[in-house]
Amino acid sequence: YTTSCTVPDDPGRYRFWGQGTQVTVS
């Protein structure tokens, strides 16, 4: 029922997470 989101945001709000992907800029 939520129609908005904000940044910054508390990571604790999010229950589900992916494993991550590495980004390297060099």
mmCIF file of all heavy atoms, coordinates in Angstrom:
data_MODEL
# 
_entry.id   MODEL 
# 
loop_
_atom_site.group_PDB 
_atom_site.id 
_atom_site.type_symbol 
_atom_site.label_atom_id 
_atom_site.label_alt_id 
_atom_site.label_comp_id 
_atom_site.label_asym_id 
_atom_site.label_entity_id 
_atom_site.label_seq_id 
_atom_site.pdbx_PDB_ins_code 
_atom_site.Cartn_x 
_atom_site.Cartn_y 
_atom_site.Cartn_z 
_atom_site.occupancy 
_atom_site.B_iso_or_equiv 
_atom_site.pdbx_formal_charge 
_atom_site.auth_seq_id 
_atom_site.auth_comp_id 
_atom_site.auth_asym_id 
_atom_site.auth_atom_id 
_atom_site.pdbx_PDB_model_num 
ATOM 1   N N   . TYR A 1 1  ? 0.813  -1.210  0.000   1.00 0.00 ? 1  TYR A N   1 
ATOM 2   C CA  . TYR A 1 1  ? 0.000  0.000   0.000   1.00 0.00 ? 1  TYR A CA  1 
ATOM 3   C C   . TYR A 1 1  ? 0.851  1.266   0.000   1.00 0.00 ? 1  TYR A C   1 
ATOM 4   O O   . TYR A 1 1  ? 0.317  2.363   0.189   1.00 0.00 ? 1  TYR A O   1 
ATOM 5   C CB  . TYR A 1 1  ? -0.936 0.000   1.210   1.00 0.00 ? 1  TYR A CB  1 
ATOM 6   C CG  . TYR A 1 1  ? -1.728 -1.274  1.335   1.00 0.00 ? 1  TYR A CG  1 
ATOM 7   C CD1 . TYR A 1 1  ? -1.467 -2.189  2.349   1.00 0.00 ? 1  TYR A CD1 1 
ATOM 8   C CD2 . TYR A 1 1  ? -2.726 -1.580  0.419   1.00 0.00 ? 1  TYR A CD2 1 
ATOM 9   C CE1 . TYR A 1 1  ? -2.184 -3.366  2.448   1.00 0.00 ? 1  TYR A CE1 1 
ATOM 10  C CE2 . TYR A 1 1  ? -3.447 -2.751  0.512   1.00 0.00 ? 1  TYR A CE2 1 
ATOM 11  C CZ  . TYR A 1 1  ? -3.177 -3.645  1.533   1.00 0.00 ? 1  TYR A CZ  1 
ATOM 12  O OH  . TYR A 1 1  ? -3.892 -4.814  1.630   1.00 0.00 ? 1  TYR A OH  1 
ATOM 13  N N   . THR A 1 2  ? 2.149  1.124   -0.215  1.00 0.00 ? 2  THR A N   1 
ATOM 14  C CA  . THR A 1 2  ? 3.064  2.249   -0.208  1.00 0.00 ? 2  THR A CA  1 
ATOM 15  C C   . THR A 1 2  ? 3.323  2.720   -1.627  1.00 0.00 ? 2  THR A C   1 
ATOM 16  O O   . THR A 1 2  ? 3.583  1.910   -2.526  1.00 0.00 ? 2  THR A O   1 
ATOM 17  C CB  . THR A 1 2  ? 4.383  1.875   0.463   1.00 0.00 ? 2  THR A CB  1 
ATOM 18  O OG1 . THR A 1 2  ? 4.129  1.455   1.806   1.00 0.00 ? 2  THR A OG1 1 
ATOM 19  C CG2 . THR A 1 2  ? 5.335  3.061   0.490   1.00 0.00 ? 2  THR A CG2 1 
ATOM 20  N N   . THR A 1 3  ? 3.269  4.031   -1.815  1.00 0.00 ? 3  THR A N   1 
ATOM 21  C CA  . THR A 1 3  ? 3.456  4.609   -3.145  1.00 0.00 ? 3  THR A CA  1 
ATOM 22  C C   . THR A 1 3  ? 4.681  5.502   -3.237  1.00 0.00 ? 3  THR A C   1 
ATOM 23  O O   . THR A 1 3  ? 4.870  6.162   -4.255  1.00 0.00 ? 3  THR A O   1 
ATOM 24  C CB  . THR A 1 3  ? 2.216  5.405   -3.558  1.00 0.00 ? 3  THR A CB  1 
ATOM 25  O OG1 . THR A 1 3  ? 1.961  6.437   -2.600  1.00 0.00 ? 3  THR A OG1 1 
ATOM 26  C CG2 . THR A 1 3  ? 1.001  4.489   -3.645  1.00 0.00 ? 3  THR A CG2 1 
ATOM 27  N N   . SER A 1 4  ? 5.514  5.530   -2.210  1.00 0.00 ? 4  SER A N   1 
ATOM 28  C CA  . SER A 1 4  ? 6.686  6.384   -2.231  1.00 0.00 ? 4  SER A CA  1 
ATOM 29  C C   . SER A 1 4  ? 7.856  5.680   -1.563  1.00 0.00 ? 4  SER A C   1 
ATOM 30  O O   . SER A 1 4  ? 7.687  4.702   -0.829  1.00 0.00 ? 4  SER A O   1 
ATOM 31  C CB  . SER A 1 4  ? 6.413  7.719   -1.535  1.00 0.00 ? 4  SER A CB  1 
ATOM 32  O OG  . SER A 1 4  ? 6.138  7.532   -0.163  1.00 0.00 ? 4  SER A OG  1 
ATOM 33  N N   . CYS A 1 5  ? 9.050  6.180   -1.816  1.00 0.00 ? 5  CYS A N   1 
ATOM 34  C CA  . CYS A 1 5  ? 10.250 5.707   -1.147  1.00 0.00 ? 5  CYS A CA  1 
ATOM 35  C C   . CYS A 1 5  ? 11.209 6.871   -1.010  1.00 0.00 ? 5  CYS A C   1 
ATOM 36  O O   . CYS A 1 5  ? 11.070 7.889   -1.690  1.00 0.00 ? 5  CYS A O   1 
ATOM 37  C CB  . CYS A 1 5  ? 10.894 4.534   -1.892  1.00 0.00 ? 5  CYS A CB  1 
ATOM 38  S SG  . CYS A 1 5  ? 11.652 4.960   -3.480  1.00 0.00 ? 5  CYS A SG  1 
ATOM 39  N N   . THR A 1 6  ? 12.194 6.716   -0.140  1.00 0.00 ? 6  THR A N   1 
ATOM 40  C CA  . THR A 1 6  ? 13.116 7.803   0.156   1.00 0.00 ? 6  THR A CA  1 
ATOM 41  C C   . THR A 1 6  ? 14.553 7.308   0.162   1.00 0.00 ? 6  THR A C   1 
ATOM 42  O O   . THR A 1 6  ? 14.832 6.130   0.422   1.00 0.00 ? 6  THR A O   1 
ATOM 43  C CB  . THR A 1 6  ? 12.812 8.449   1.513   1.00 0.00 ? 6  THR A CB  1 
ATOM 44  O OG1 . THR A 1 6  ? 12.911 7.470   2.551   1.00 0.00 ? 6  THR A OG1 1 
ATOM 45  C CG2 . THR A 1 6  ? 11.414 9.047   1.527   1.00 0.00 ? 6  THR A CG2 1 
ATOM 46  N N   . VAL A 1 7  ? 15.473 8.216   -0.134  1.00 0.00 ? 7  VAL A N   1 
ATOM 47  C CA  . VAL A 1 7  ? 16.912 8.015   -0.001  1.00 0.00 ? 7  VAL A CA  1 
ATOM 48  C C   . VAL A 1 7  ? 17.475 9.262   0.670   1.00 0.00 ? 7  VAL A C   1 
ATOM 49  O O   . VAL A 1 7  ? 17.221 10.374  0.173   1.00 0.00 ? 7  VAL A O   1 
ATOM 50  C CB  . VAL A 1 7  ? 17.603 7.781   -1.348  1.00 0.00 ? 7  VAL A CB  1 
ATOM 51  C CG1 . VAL A 1 7  ? 19.111 7.656   -1.157  1.00 0.00 ? 7  VAL A CG1 1 
ATOM 52  C CG2 . VAL A 1 7  ? 17.055 6.535   -2.033  1.00 0.00 ? 7  VAL A CG2 1 
ATOM 53  N N   . PRO A 1 8  ? 18.199 9.148   1.762   1.00 0.00 ? 8  PRO A N   1 
ATOM 54  C CA  . PRO A 1 8  ? 18.615 7.900   2.397   1.00 0.00 ? 8  PRO A CA  1 
ATOM 55  C C   . PRO A 1 8  ? 17.473 7.189   3.091   1.00 0.00 ? 8  PRO A C   1 
ATOM 56  O O   . PRO A 1 8  ? 16.421 7.784   3.356   1.00 0.00 ? 8  PRO A O   1 
ATOM 57  C CB  . PRO A 1 8  ? 19.673 8.360   3.416   1.00 0.00 ? 8  PRO A CB  1 
ATOM 58  C CG  . PRO A 1 8  ? 19.237 9.741   3.774   1.00 0.00 ? 8  PRO A CG  1 
ATOM 59  C CD  . PRO A 1 8  ? 18.717 10.329  2.483   1.00 0.00 ? 8  PRO A CD  1 
ATOM 60  N N   . ASP A 1 9  ? 17.669 5.926   3.346   1.00 0.00 ? 9  ASP A N   1 
ATOM 61  C CA  . ASP A 1 9  ? 16.671 5.120   4.011   1.00 0.00 ? 9  ASP A CA  1 
ATOM 62  C C   . ASP A 1 9  ? 17.379 4.158   4.945   1.00 0.00 ? 9  ASP A C   1 
ATOM 63  O O   . ASP A 1 9  ? 18.555 3.827   4.747   1.00 0.00 ? 9  ASP A O   1 
ATOM 64  C CB  . ASP A 1 9  ? 15.818 4.353   2.997   1.00 0.00 ? 9  ASP A CB  1 
ATOM 65  C CG  . ASP A 1 9  ? 14.473 3.933   3.545   1.00 0.00 ? 9  ASP A CG  1 
ATOM 66  O OD1 . ASP A 1 9  ? 14.181 4.202   4.727   1.00 0.00 ? 9  ASP A OD1 1 
ATOM 67  O OD2 . ASP A 1 9  ? 13.692 3.323   2.782   1.00 0.00 ? 9  ASP A OD2 1 
ATOM 68  N N   . ASP A 1 10 ? 16.656 3.706   5.935   1.00 0.00 ? 10 ASP A N   1 
ATOM 69  C CA  . ASP A 1 10 ? 17.193 2.748   6.896   1.00 0.00 ? 10 ASP A CA  1 
ATOM 70  C C   . ASP A 1 10 ? 17.238 1.367   6.242   1.00 0.00 ? 10 ASP A C   1 
ATOM 71  O O   . ASP A 1 10 ? 16.195 0.842   5.856   1.00 0.00 ? 10 ASP A O   1 
ATOM 72  C CB  . ASP A 1 10 ? 16.327 2.728   8.144   1.00 0.00 ? 10 ASP A CB  1 
ATOM 73  C CG  . ASP A 1 10 ? 16.836 1.799   9.220   1.00 0.00 ? 10 ASP A CG  1 
ATOM 74  O OD1 . ASP A 1 10 ? 17.899 1.168   9.036   1.00 0.00 ? 10 ASP A OD1 1 
ATOM 75  O OD2 . ASP A 1 10 ? 16.164 1.692   10.268  1.00 0.00 ? 10 ASP A OD2 1 
ATOM 76  N N   . PRO A 1 11 ? 18.427 0.764   6.122   1.00 0.00 ? 11 PRO A N   1 
ATOM 77  C CA  . PRO A 1 11 ? 18.469 -0.584  5.545   1.00 0.00 ? 11 PRO A CA  1 
ATOM 78  C C   . PRO A 1 11 ? 17.600 -1.592  6.284   1.00 0.00 ? 11 PRO A C   1 
ATOM 79  O O   . PRO A 1 11 ? 17.161 -2.578  5.682   1.00 0.00 ? 11 PRO A O   1 
ATOM 80  C CB  . PRO A 1 11 ? 19.961 -0.959  5.642   1.00 0.00 ? 11 PRO A CB  1 
ATOM 81  C CG  . PRO A 1 11 ? 20.679 0.341   5.682   1.00 0.00 ? 11 PRO A CG  1 
ATOM 82  C CD  . PRO A 1 11 ? 19.777 1.271   6.444   1.00 0.00 ? 11 PRO A CD  1 
ATOM 83  N N   . GLY A 1 12 ? 17.353 -1.331  7.571   1.00 0.00 ? 12 GLY A N   1 
ATOM 84  C CA  . GLY A 1 12 ? 16.534 -2.246  8.346   1.00 0.00 ? 12 GLY A CA  1 
ATOM 85  C C   . GLY A 1 12 ? 15.104 -2.346  7.863   1.00 0.00 ? 12 GLY A C   1 
ATOM 86  O O   . GLY A 1 12 ? 14.402 -3.293  8.210   1.00 0.00 ? 12 GLY A O   1 
ATOM 87  N N   . ARG A 1 13 ? 14.675 -1.378  7.081   1.00 0.00 ? 13 ARG A N   1 
ATOM 88  C CA  . ARG A 1 13 ? 13.337 -1.451  6.513   1.00 0.00 ? 13 ARG A CA  1 
ATOM 89  C C   . ARG A 1 13 ? 13.171 -2.642  5.585   1.00 0.00 ? 13 ARG A C   1 
ATOM 90  O O   . ARG A 1 13 ? 12.069 -3.200  5.481   1.00 0.00 ? 13 ARG A O   1 
ATOM 91  C CB  . ARG A 1 13 ? 13.035 -0.154  5.754   1.00 0.00 ? 13 ARG A CB  1 
ATOM 92  C CG  . ARG A 1 13 ? 11.805 -0.217  4.882   1.00 0.00 ? 13 ARG A CG  1 
ATOM 93  C CD  . ARG A 1 13 ? 11.669 0.990   3.975   1.00 0.00 ? 13 ARG A CD  1 
ATOM 94  N NE  . ARG A 1 13 ? 10.514 0.866   3.094   1.00 0.00 ? 13 ARG A NE  1 
ATOM 95  C CZ  . ARG A 1 13 ? 10.179 1.739   2.160   1.00 0.00 ? 13 ARG A CZ  1 
ATOM 96  N NH1 . ARG A 1 13 ? 10.912 2.826   1.973   1.00 0.00 ? 13 ARG A NH1 1 
ATOM 97  N NH2 . ARG A 1 13 ? 9.114  1.534   1.409   1.00 0.00 ? 13 ARG A NH2 1 
ATOM 98  N N   . TYR A 1 14 ? 14.251 -3.018  4.914   1.00 0.00 ? 14 TYR A N   1 
ATOM 99  C CA  . TYR A 1 14 ? 14.190 -4.023  3.870   1.00 0.00 ? 14 TYR A CA  1 
ATOM 100 C C   . TYR A 1 14 ? 14.453 -5.411  4.442   1.00 0.00 ? 14 TYR A C   1 
ATOM 101 O O   . TYR A 1 14 ? 15.528 -5.686  4.980   1.00 0.00 ? 14 TYR A O   1 
ATOM 102 C CB  . TYR A 1 14 ? 15.196 -3.700  2.765   1.00 0.00 ? 14 TYR A CB  1 
ATOM 103 C CG  . TYR A 1 14 ? 14.876 -2.422  2.040   1.00 0.00 ? 14 TYR A CG  1 
ATOM 104 C CD1 . TYR A 1 14 ? 15.359 -1.196  2.498   1.00 0.00 ? 14 TYR A CD1 1 
ATOM 105 C CD2 . TYR A 1 14 ? 14.079 -2.435  0.901   1.00 0.00 ? 14 TYR A CD2 1 
ATOM 106 C CE1 . TYR A 1 14 ? 15.048 -0.021  1.827   1.00 0.00 ? 14 TYR A CE1 1 
ATOM 107 C CE2 . TYR A 1 14 ? 13.774 -1.262  0.233   1.00 0.00 ? 14 TYR A CE2 1 
ATOM 108 C CZ  . TYR A 1 14 ? 14.259 -0.060  0.699   1.00 0.00 ? 14 TYR A CZ  1 
ATOM 109 O OH  . TYR A 1 14 ? 13.960 1.103   0.036   1.00 0.00 ? 14 TYR A OH  1 
ATOM 110 N N   . ARG A 1 15 ? 13.478 -6.277  4.288   1.00 0.00 ? 15 ARG A N   1 
ATOM 111 C CA  . ARG A 1 15 ? 13.600 -7.618  4.850   1.00 0.00 ? 15 ARG A CA  1 
ATOM 112 C C   . ARG A 1 15 ? 14.399 -8.552  3.964   1.00 0.00 ? 15 ARG A C   1 
ATOM 113 O O   . ARG A 1 15 ? 15.114 -9.428  4.462   1.00 0.00 ? 15 ARG A O   1 
ATOM 114 C CB  . ARG A 1 15 ? 12.207 -8.199  5.103   1.00 0.00 ? 15 ARG A CB  1 
ATOM 115 C CG  . ARG A 1 15 ? 12.216 -9.619  5.645   1.00 0.00 ? 15 ARG A CG  1 
ATOM 116 C CD  . ARG A 1 15 ? 10.823 -10.125 5.922   1.00 0.00 ? 15 ARG A CD  1 
ATOM 117 N NE  . ARG A 1 15 ? 10.818 -11.496 6.406   1.00 0.00 ? 15 ARG A NE  1 
ATOM 118 C CZ  . ARG A 1 15 ? 9.739  -12.184 6.695   1.00 0.00 ? 15 ARG A CZ  1 
ATOM 119 N NH1 . ARG A 1 15 ? 8.541  -11.632 6.561   1.00 0.00 ? 15 ARG A NH1 1 
ATOM 120 N NH2 . ARG A 1 15 ? 9.840  -13.431 7.126   1.00 0.00 ? 15 ARG A NH2 1 
ATOM 121 N N   . PHE A 1 16 ? 14.278 -8.391  2.652   1.00 0.00 ? 16 PHE A N   1 
ATOM 122 C CA  . PHE A 1 16 ? 14.863 -9.329  1.707   1.00 0.00 ? 16 PHE A CA  1 
ATOM 123 C C   . PHE A 1 16 ? 16.031 -8.684  0.988   1.00 0.00 ? 16 PHE A C   1 
ATOM 124 O O   . PHE A 1 16 ? 15.919 -7.552  0.495   1.00 0.00 ? 16 PHE A O   1 
ATOM 125 C CB  . PHE A 1 16 ? 13.813 -9.798  0.695   1.00 0.00 ? 16 PHE A CB  1 
ATOM 126 C CG  . PHE A 1 16 ? 12.606 -10.402 1.334   1.00 0.00 ? 16 PHE A CG  1 
ATOM 127 C CD1 . PHE A 1 16 ? 11.455 -9.656  1.514   1.00 0.00 ? 16 PHE A CD1 1 
ATOM 128 C CD2 . PHE A 1 16 ? 12.617 -11.712 1.765   1.00 0.00 ? 16 PHE A CD2 1 
ATOM 129 C CE1 . PHE A 1 16 ? 10.335 -10.207 2.104   1.00 0.00 ? 16 PHE A CE1 1 
ATOM 130 C CE2 . PHE A 1 16 ? 11.498 -12.278 2.363   1.00 0.00 ? 16 PHE A CE2 1 
ATOM 131 C CZ  . PHE A 1 16 ? 10.363 -11.522 2.531   1.00 0.00 ? 16 PHE A CZ  1 
ATOM 132 N N   . TRP A 1 17 ? 17.138 -9.404  0.913   1.00 0.00 ? 17 TRP A N   1 
ATOM 133 C CA  . TRP A 1 17 ? 18.373 -8.910  0.326   1.00 0.00 ? 17 TRP A CA  1 
ATOM 134 C C   . TRP A 1 17 ? 18.983 -9.933  -0.611  1.00 0.00 ? 17 TRP A C   1 
ATOM 135 O O   . TRP A 1 17 ? 18.913 -11.138 -0.370  1.00 0.00 ? 17 TRP A O   1 
ATOM 136 C CB  . TRP A 1 17 ? 19.401 -8.585  1.415   1.00 0.00 ? 17 TRP A CB  1 
ATOM 137 C CG  . TRP A 1 17 ? 19.021 -7.415  2.258   1.00 0.00 ? 17 TRP A CG  1 
ATOM 138 C CD1 . TRP A 1 17 ? 18.135 -7.397  3.285   1.00 0.00 ? 17 TRP A CD1 1 
ATOM 139 C CD2 . TRP A 1 17 ? 19.537 -6.088  2.140   1.00 0.00 ? 17 TRP A CD2 1 
ATOM 140 N NE1 . TRP A 1 17 ? 18.051 -6.134  3.821   1.00 0.00 ? 17 TRP A NE1 1 
ATOM 141 C CE2 . TRP A 1 17 ? 18.902 -5.317  3.141   1.00 0.00 ? 17 TRP A CE2 1 
ATOM 142 C CE3 . TRP A 1 17 ? 20.465 -5.481  1.300   1.00 0.00 ? 17 TRP A CE3 1 
ATOM 143 C CZ2 . TRP A 1 17 ? 19.174 -3.959  3.311   1.00 0.00 ? 17 TRP A CZ2 1 
ATOM 144 C CZ3 . TRP A 1 17 ? 20.741 -4.136  1.465   1.00 0.00 ? 17 TRP A CZ3 1 
ATOM 145 C CH2 . TRP A 1 17 ? 20.098 -3.391  2.464   1.00 0.00 ? 17 TRP A CH2 1 
ATOM 146 N N   . GLY A 1 18 ? 19.601 -9.429  -1.670  1.00 0.00 ? 18 GLY A N   1 
ATOM 147 C CA  . GLY A 1 18 ? 20.411 -10.280 -2.513  1.00 0.00 ? 18 GLY A CA  1 
ATOM 148 C C   . GLY A 1 18 ? 21.789 -10.472 -1.919  1.00 0.00 ? 18 GLY A C   1 
ATOM 149 O O   . GLY A 1 18 ? 22.143 -9.905  -0.876  1.00 0.00 ? 18 GLY A O   1 
ATOM 150 N N   . GLN A 1 19 ? 22.591 -11.280 -2.590  1.00 0.00 ? 19 GLN A N   1 
ATOM 151 C CA  . GLN A 1 19 ? 23.929 -11.597 -2.092  1.00 0.00 ? 19 GLN A CA  1 
ATOM 152 C C   . GLN A 1 19 ? 24.959 -10.540 -2.449  1.00 0.00 ? 19 GLN A C   1 
ATOM 153 O O   . GLN A 1 19 ? 26.068 -10.548 -1.906  1.00 0.00 ? 19 GLN A O   1 
ATOM 154 C CB  . GLN A 1 19 ? 24.377 -12.963 -2.629  1.00 0.00 ? 19 GLN A CB  1 
ATOM 155 C CG  . GLN A 1 19 ? 24.968 -12.960 -4.032  1.00 0.00 ? 19 GLN A CG  1 
ATOM 156 C CD  . GLN A 1 19 ? 23.953 -12.681 -5.121  1.00 0.00 ? 19 GLN A CD  1 
ATOM 157 O OE1 . GLN A 1 19 ? 22.752 -12.792 -4.920  1.00 0.00 ? 19 GLN A OE1 1 
ATOM 158 N NE2 . GLN A 1 19 ? 24.450 -12.316 -6.304  1.00 0.00 ? 19 GLN A NE2 1 
ATOM 159 N N   . GLY A 1 20 ? 24.620 -9.646  -3.340  1.00 0.00 ? 20 GLY A N   1 
ATOM 160 C CA  . GLY A 1 20 ? 25.517 -8.582  -3.740  1.00 0.00 ? 20 GLY A CA  1 
ATOM 161 C C   . GLY A 1 20 ? 26.303 -8.908  -4.994  1.00 0.00 ? 20 GLY A C   1 
ATOM 162 O O   . GLY A 1 20 ? 26.551 -10.067 -5.312  1.00 0.00 ? 20 GLY A O   1 
ATOM 163 N N   . THR A 1 21 ? 26.698 -7.868  -5.702  1.00 0.00 ? 21 THR A N   1 
ATOM 164 C CA  . THR A 1 21 ? 27.558 -8.005  -6.865  1.00 0.00 ? 21 THR A CA  1 
ATOM 165 C C   . THR A 1 21 ? 28.652 -6.944  -6.787  1.00 0.00 ? 21 THR A C   1 
ATOM 166 O O   . THR A 1 21 ? 28.385 -5.785  -6.474  1.00 0.00 ? 21 THR A O   1 
ATOM 167 C CB  . THR A 1 21 ? 26.752 -7.892  -8.181  1.00 0.00 ? 21 THR A CB  1 
ATOM 168 O OG1 . THR A 1 21 ? 27.608 -8.145  -9.299  1.00 0.00 ? 21 THR A OG1 1 
ATOM 169 C CG2 . THR A 1 21 ? 26.102 -6.528  -8.331  1.00 0.00 ? 21 THR A CG2 1 
ATOM 170 N N   . GLN A 1 22 ? 29.873 -7.346  -7.057  1.00 0.00 ? 22 GLN A N   1 
ATOM 171 C CA  . GLN A 1 22 ? 31.016 -6.459  -6.902  1.00 0.00 ? 22 GLN A CA  1 
ATOM 172 C C   . GLN A 1 22 ? 31.144 -5.527  -8.093  1.00 0.00 ? 22 GLN A C   1 
ATOM 173 O O   . GLN A 1 22 ? 31.118 -5.967  -9.250  1.00 0.00 ? 22 GLN A O   1 
ATOM 174 C CB  . GLN A 1 22 ? 32.305 -7.280  -6.752  1.00 0.00 ? 22 GLN A CB  1 
ATOM 175 C CG  . GLN A 1 22 ? 33.576 -6.442  -6.660  1.00 0.00 ? 22 GLN A CG  1 
ATOM 176 C CD  . GLN A 1 22 ? 33.677 -5.680  -5.365  1.00 0.00 ? 22 GLN A CD  1 
ATOM 177 O OE1 . GLN A 1 22 ? 33.433 -6.244  -4.290  1.00 0.00 ? 22 GLN A OE1 1 
ATOM 178 N NE2 . GLN A 1 22 ? 34.040 -4.398  -5.448  1.00 0.00 ? 22 GLN A NE2 1 
ATOM 179 N N   . VAL A 1 23 ? 31.309 -4.253  -7.801  1.00 0.00 ? 23 VAL A N   1 
ATOM 180 C CA  . VAL A 1 23 ? 31.599 -3.240  -8.809  1.00 0.00 ? 23 VAL A CA  1 
ATOM 181 C C   . VAL A 1 23 ? 32.943 -2.615  -8.458  1.00 0.00 ? 23 VAL A C   1 
ATOM 182 O O   . VAL A 1 23 ? 33.120 -2.090  -7.362  1.00 0.00 ? 23 VAL A O   1 
ATOM 183 C CB  . VAL A 1 23 ? 30.506 -2.158  -8.868  1.00 0.00 ? 23 VAL A CB  1 
ATOM 184 C CG1 . VAL A 1 23 ? 30.927 -1.016  -9.787  1.00 0.00 ? 23 VAL A CG1 1 
ATOM 185 C CG2 . VAL A 1 23 ? 29.187 -2.763  -9.330  1.00 0.00 ? 23 VAL A CG2 1 
ATOM 186 N N   . THR A 1 24 ? 33.867 -2.679  -9.384  1.00 0.00 ? 24 THR A N   1 
ATOM 187 C CA  . THR A 1 24 ? 35.190 -2.107  -9.185  1.00 0.00 ? 24 THR A CA  1 
ATOM 188 C C   . THR A 1 24 ? 35.483 -1.135  -10.314 1.00 0.00 ? 24 THR A C   1 
ATOM 189 O O   . THR A 1 24 ? 35.452 -1.513  -11.487 1.00 0.00 ? 24 THR A O   1 
ATOM 190 C CB  . THR A 1 24 ? 36.270 -3.194  -9.140  1.00 0.00 ? 24 THR A CB  1 
ATOM 191 O OG1 . THR A 1 24 ? 35.974 -4.131  -8.102  1.00 0.00 ? 24 THR A OG1 1 
ATOM 192 C CG2 . THR A 1 24 ? 37.634 -2.573  -8.880  1.00 0.00 ? 24 THR A CG2 1 
ATOM 193 N N   . VAL A 1 25 ? 35.758 0.104   -9.957  1.00 0.00 ? 25 VAL A N   1 
ATOM 194 C CA  . VAL A 1 25 ? 36.063 1.151   -10.928 1.00 0.00 ? 25 VAL A CA  1 
ATOM 195 C C   . VAL A 1 25 ? 37.532 1.503   -10.765 1.00 0.00 ? 25 VAL A C   1 
ATOM 196 O O   . VAL A 1 25 ? 37.937 2.084   -9.754  1.00 0.00 ? 25 VAL A O   1 
ATOM 197 C CB  . VAL A 1 25 ? 35.179 2.378   -10.739 1.00 0.00 ? 25 VAL A CB  1 
ATOM 198 C CG1 . VAL A 1 25 ? 35.449 3.395   -11.847 1.00 0.00 ? 25 VAL A CG1 1 
ATOM 199 C CG2 . VAL A 1 25 ? 33.707 1.983   -10.716 1.00 0.00 ? 25 VAL A CG2 1 
ATOM 200 N N   . SER A 1 26 ? 38.323 1.152   -11.751 1.00 0.00 ? 26 SER A N   1 
ATOM 201 C CA  . SER A 1 26 ? 39.760 1.334   -11.656 1.00 0.00 ? 26 SER A CA  1 
ATOM 202 C C   . SER A 1 26 ? 40.357 1.392   -13.058 1.00 0.00 ? 26 SER A C   1 
ATOM 203 O O   . SER A 1 26 ? 39.905 0.706   -13.970 1.00 0.00 ? 26 SER A O   1 
ATOM 204 C CB  . SER A 1 26 ? 40.396 0.190   -10.864 1.00 0.00 ? 26 SER A CB  1 
ATOM 205 O OG  . SER A 1 26 ? 41.798 0.341   -10.771 1.00 0.00 ? 26 SER A OG  1 
# 
